[in-house]
Amino acid sequence: MQTREITIRVTPNAARVYESASEQERRKLDVLLSLRLSEARGLSRSLNEIIREASQEARERGLTEDLLNELLDG
């Protein structure tokens, strides 16, 4: 898979999570973000729907409501 480096703005906490991840975990996060961005561009679902789905998945994986709100509001 071809990739291209970009710069995005994230919350300080999200940056810490990414920066503290192992190289293997970073590659997984890169793929996940790439997939989410690609989905957001598609016309079949709105960005809000994608965000709601990602939020639900995060909750199911144990992300607290407070941290989730910080990440989404950040």
C-alpha atoms as a PDB file:
ATOM      1  CA  MET A   1       0.000   0.000   0.000  1.00  0.00           C
ATOM      2  CA  GLN A   2       1.352   3.375  -0.978  1.00  0.00           C
ATOM      3  CA  THR A   3       1.331   5.996   1.747  1.00  0.00           C
ATOM      4  CA  ARG A   4       1.861   9.712   1.983  1.00  0.00           C
ATOM      5  CA  GLU A   5       2.793  11.691   5.069  1.00  0.00           C
ATOM      6  CA  ILE A   6       0.455  14.494   6.213  1.00  0.00           C
ATOM      7  CA  THR A   7       0.176  16.709   9.277  1.00  0.00           C
ATOM      8  CA  ILE A   8      -3.035  16.806  11.313  1.00  0.00           C
ATOM      9  CA  ARG A   9      -4.037  18.609  14.493  1.00  0.00           C
ATOM     10  CA  VAL A  10      -5.029  16.419  17.438  1.00  0.00           C
ATOM     11  CA  THR A  11      -5.551  16.933  21.139  1.00  0.00           C
ATOM     12  CA  PRO A  12      -2.477  16.851  23.378  1.00  0.00           C
ATOM     13  CA  ASN A  13      -3.667  13.558  24.830  1.00  0.00           C
ATOM     14  CA  ALA A  14      -4.066  11.988  21.393  1.00  0.00           C
ATOM     15  CA  ALA A  15      -0.552  13.161  20.512  1.00  0.00           C
ATOM     16  CA  ARG A  16       0.832  11.576  23.700  1.00  0.00           C
ATOM     17  CA  VAL A  17      -0.933   8.300  22.924  1.00  0.00           C
ATOM     18  CA  TYR A  18       0.522   8.240  19.414  1.00  0.00           C
ATOM     19  CA  GLU A  19       4.003   9.329  20.487  1.00  0.00           C
ATOM     20  CA  SER A  20       4.164   6.727  23.259  1.00  0.00           C
ATOM     21  CA  ALA A  21       3.018   3.885  20.981  1.00  0.00           C
ATOM     22  CA  SER A  22       5.454   1.349  19.631  1.00  0.00           C
ATOM     23  CA  GLU A  23       6.333   1.502  15.940  1.00  0.00           C
ATOM     24  CA  GLN A  24       4.022  -1.439  15.268  1.00  0.00           C
ATOM     25  CA  GLU A  25       1.155   0.249  17.144  1.00  0.00           C
ATOM     26  CA  ARG A  26       1.789   3.483  15.218  1.00  0.00           C
ATOM     27  CA  ARG A  27       1.511   1.648  11.908  1.00  0.00           C
ATOM     28  CA  LYS A  28      -1.826   0.209  13.027  1.00  0.00           C
ATOM     29  CA  LEU A  29      -3.032   3.655  14.090  1.00  0.00           C
ATOM     30  CA  ASP A  30      -1.902   5.061  10.742  1.00  0.00           C
ATOM     31  CA  VAL A  31      -3.943   2.444   8.875  1.00  0.00           C
ATOM     32  CA  LEU A  32      -6.975   3.000  11.101  1.00  0.00           C
ATOM     33  CA  LEU A  33      -6.854   6.754  10.587  1.00  0.00           C
ATOM     34  CA  SER A  34      -6.369   6.329   6.853  1.00  0.00           C
ATOM     35  CA  LEU A  35      -9.430   4.097   6.658  1.00  0.00           C
ATOM     36  CA  ARG A  36     -11.528   6.517   8.706  1.00  0.00           C
ATOM     37  CA  LEU A  37     -10.498   9.481   6.579  1.00  0.00           C
ATOM     38  CA  SER A  38     -11.313   7.547   3.427  1.00  0.00           C
ATOM     39  CA  GLU A  39     -14.735   6.653   4.819  1.00  0.00           C
ATOM     40  CA  ALA A  40     -15.376  10.287   5.734  1.00  0.00           C
ATOM     41  CA  ARG A  41     -14.863  11.275   2.113  1.00  0.00           C
ATOM     42  CA  GLY A  42     -17.385   8.709   0.850  1.00  0.00           C
ATOM     43  CA  LEU A  43     -20.864   9.908   0.014  1.00  0.00           C
ATOM     44  CA  SER A  44     -22.701   6.948   1.513  1.00  0.00           C
ATOM     45  CA  ARG A  45     -22.298   8.073   5.144  1.00  0.00           C
ATOM     46  CA  SER A  46     -21.944  11.458   6.768  1.00  0.00           C
ATOM     47  CA  LEU A  47     -18.951  12.455   8.842  1.00  0.00           C
ATOM     48  CA  ASN A  48     -21.229  12.608  11.895  1.00  0.00           C
ATOM     49  CA  GLU A  49     -22.275   8.995  11.343  1.00  0.00           C
ATOM     50  CA  ILE A  50     -18.645   7.918  11.120  1.00  0.00           C
ATOM     51  CA  ILE A  51     -17.783   9.855  14.282  1.00  0.00           C
ATOM     52  CA  ARG A  52     -20.722   8.299  16.154  1.00  0.00           C
ATOM     53  CA  GLU A  53     -19.656   4.828  15.037  1.00  0.00           C
ATOM     54  CA  ALA A  54     -16.040   5.423  16.059  1.00  0.00           C
ATOM     55  CA  SER A  55     -17.234   6.755  19.415  1.00  0.00           C
ATOM     56  CA  GLN A  56     -19.356   3.664  20.003  1.00  0.00           C
ATOM     57  CA  GLU A  57     -16.454   1.370  19.104  1.00  0.00           C
ATOM     58  CA  ALA A  58     -14.173   3.278  21.476  1.00  0.00           C
ATOM     59  CA  ARG A  59     -16.686   2.927  24.324  1.00  0.00           C
ATOM     60  CA  GLU A  60     -16.962  -0.796  23.655  1.00  0.00           C
ATOM     61  CA  ARG A  61     -13.177  -1.025  23.949  1.00  0.00           C
ATOM     62  CA  GLY A  62     -13.180   0.678  27.352  1.00  0.00           C
ATOM     63  CA  LEU A  63     -12.585   4.326  26.520  1.00  0.00           C
ATOM     64  CA  THR A  64     -14.211   6.437  29.230  1.00  0.00           C
ATOM     65  CA  GLU A  65     -16.828   9.066  28.415  1.00  0.00           C
ATOM     66  CA  ASP A  66     -14.629  11.854  29.825  1.00  0.00           C
ATOM     67  CA  LEU A  67     -11.612  10.908  27.730  1.00  0.00           C
ATOM     68  CA  LEU A  68     -13.772  10.397  24.670  1.00  0.00           C
ATOM     69  CA  ASN A  69     -15.276  13.853  25.066  1.00  0.00           C
ATOM     70  CA  GLU A  70     -11.824  15.374  25.514  1.00  0.00           C
ATOM     71  CA  LEU A  71     -10.633  13.719  22.315  1.00  0.00           C
ATOM     72  CA  LEU A  72     -13.694  14.748  20.331  1.00  0.00           C
ATOM     73  CA  ASP A  73     -13.874  18.296  21.676  1.00  0.00           C
ATOM     74  CA  GLY A  74     -10.145  18.905  21.589  1.00  0.00           C
END
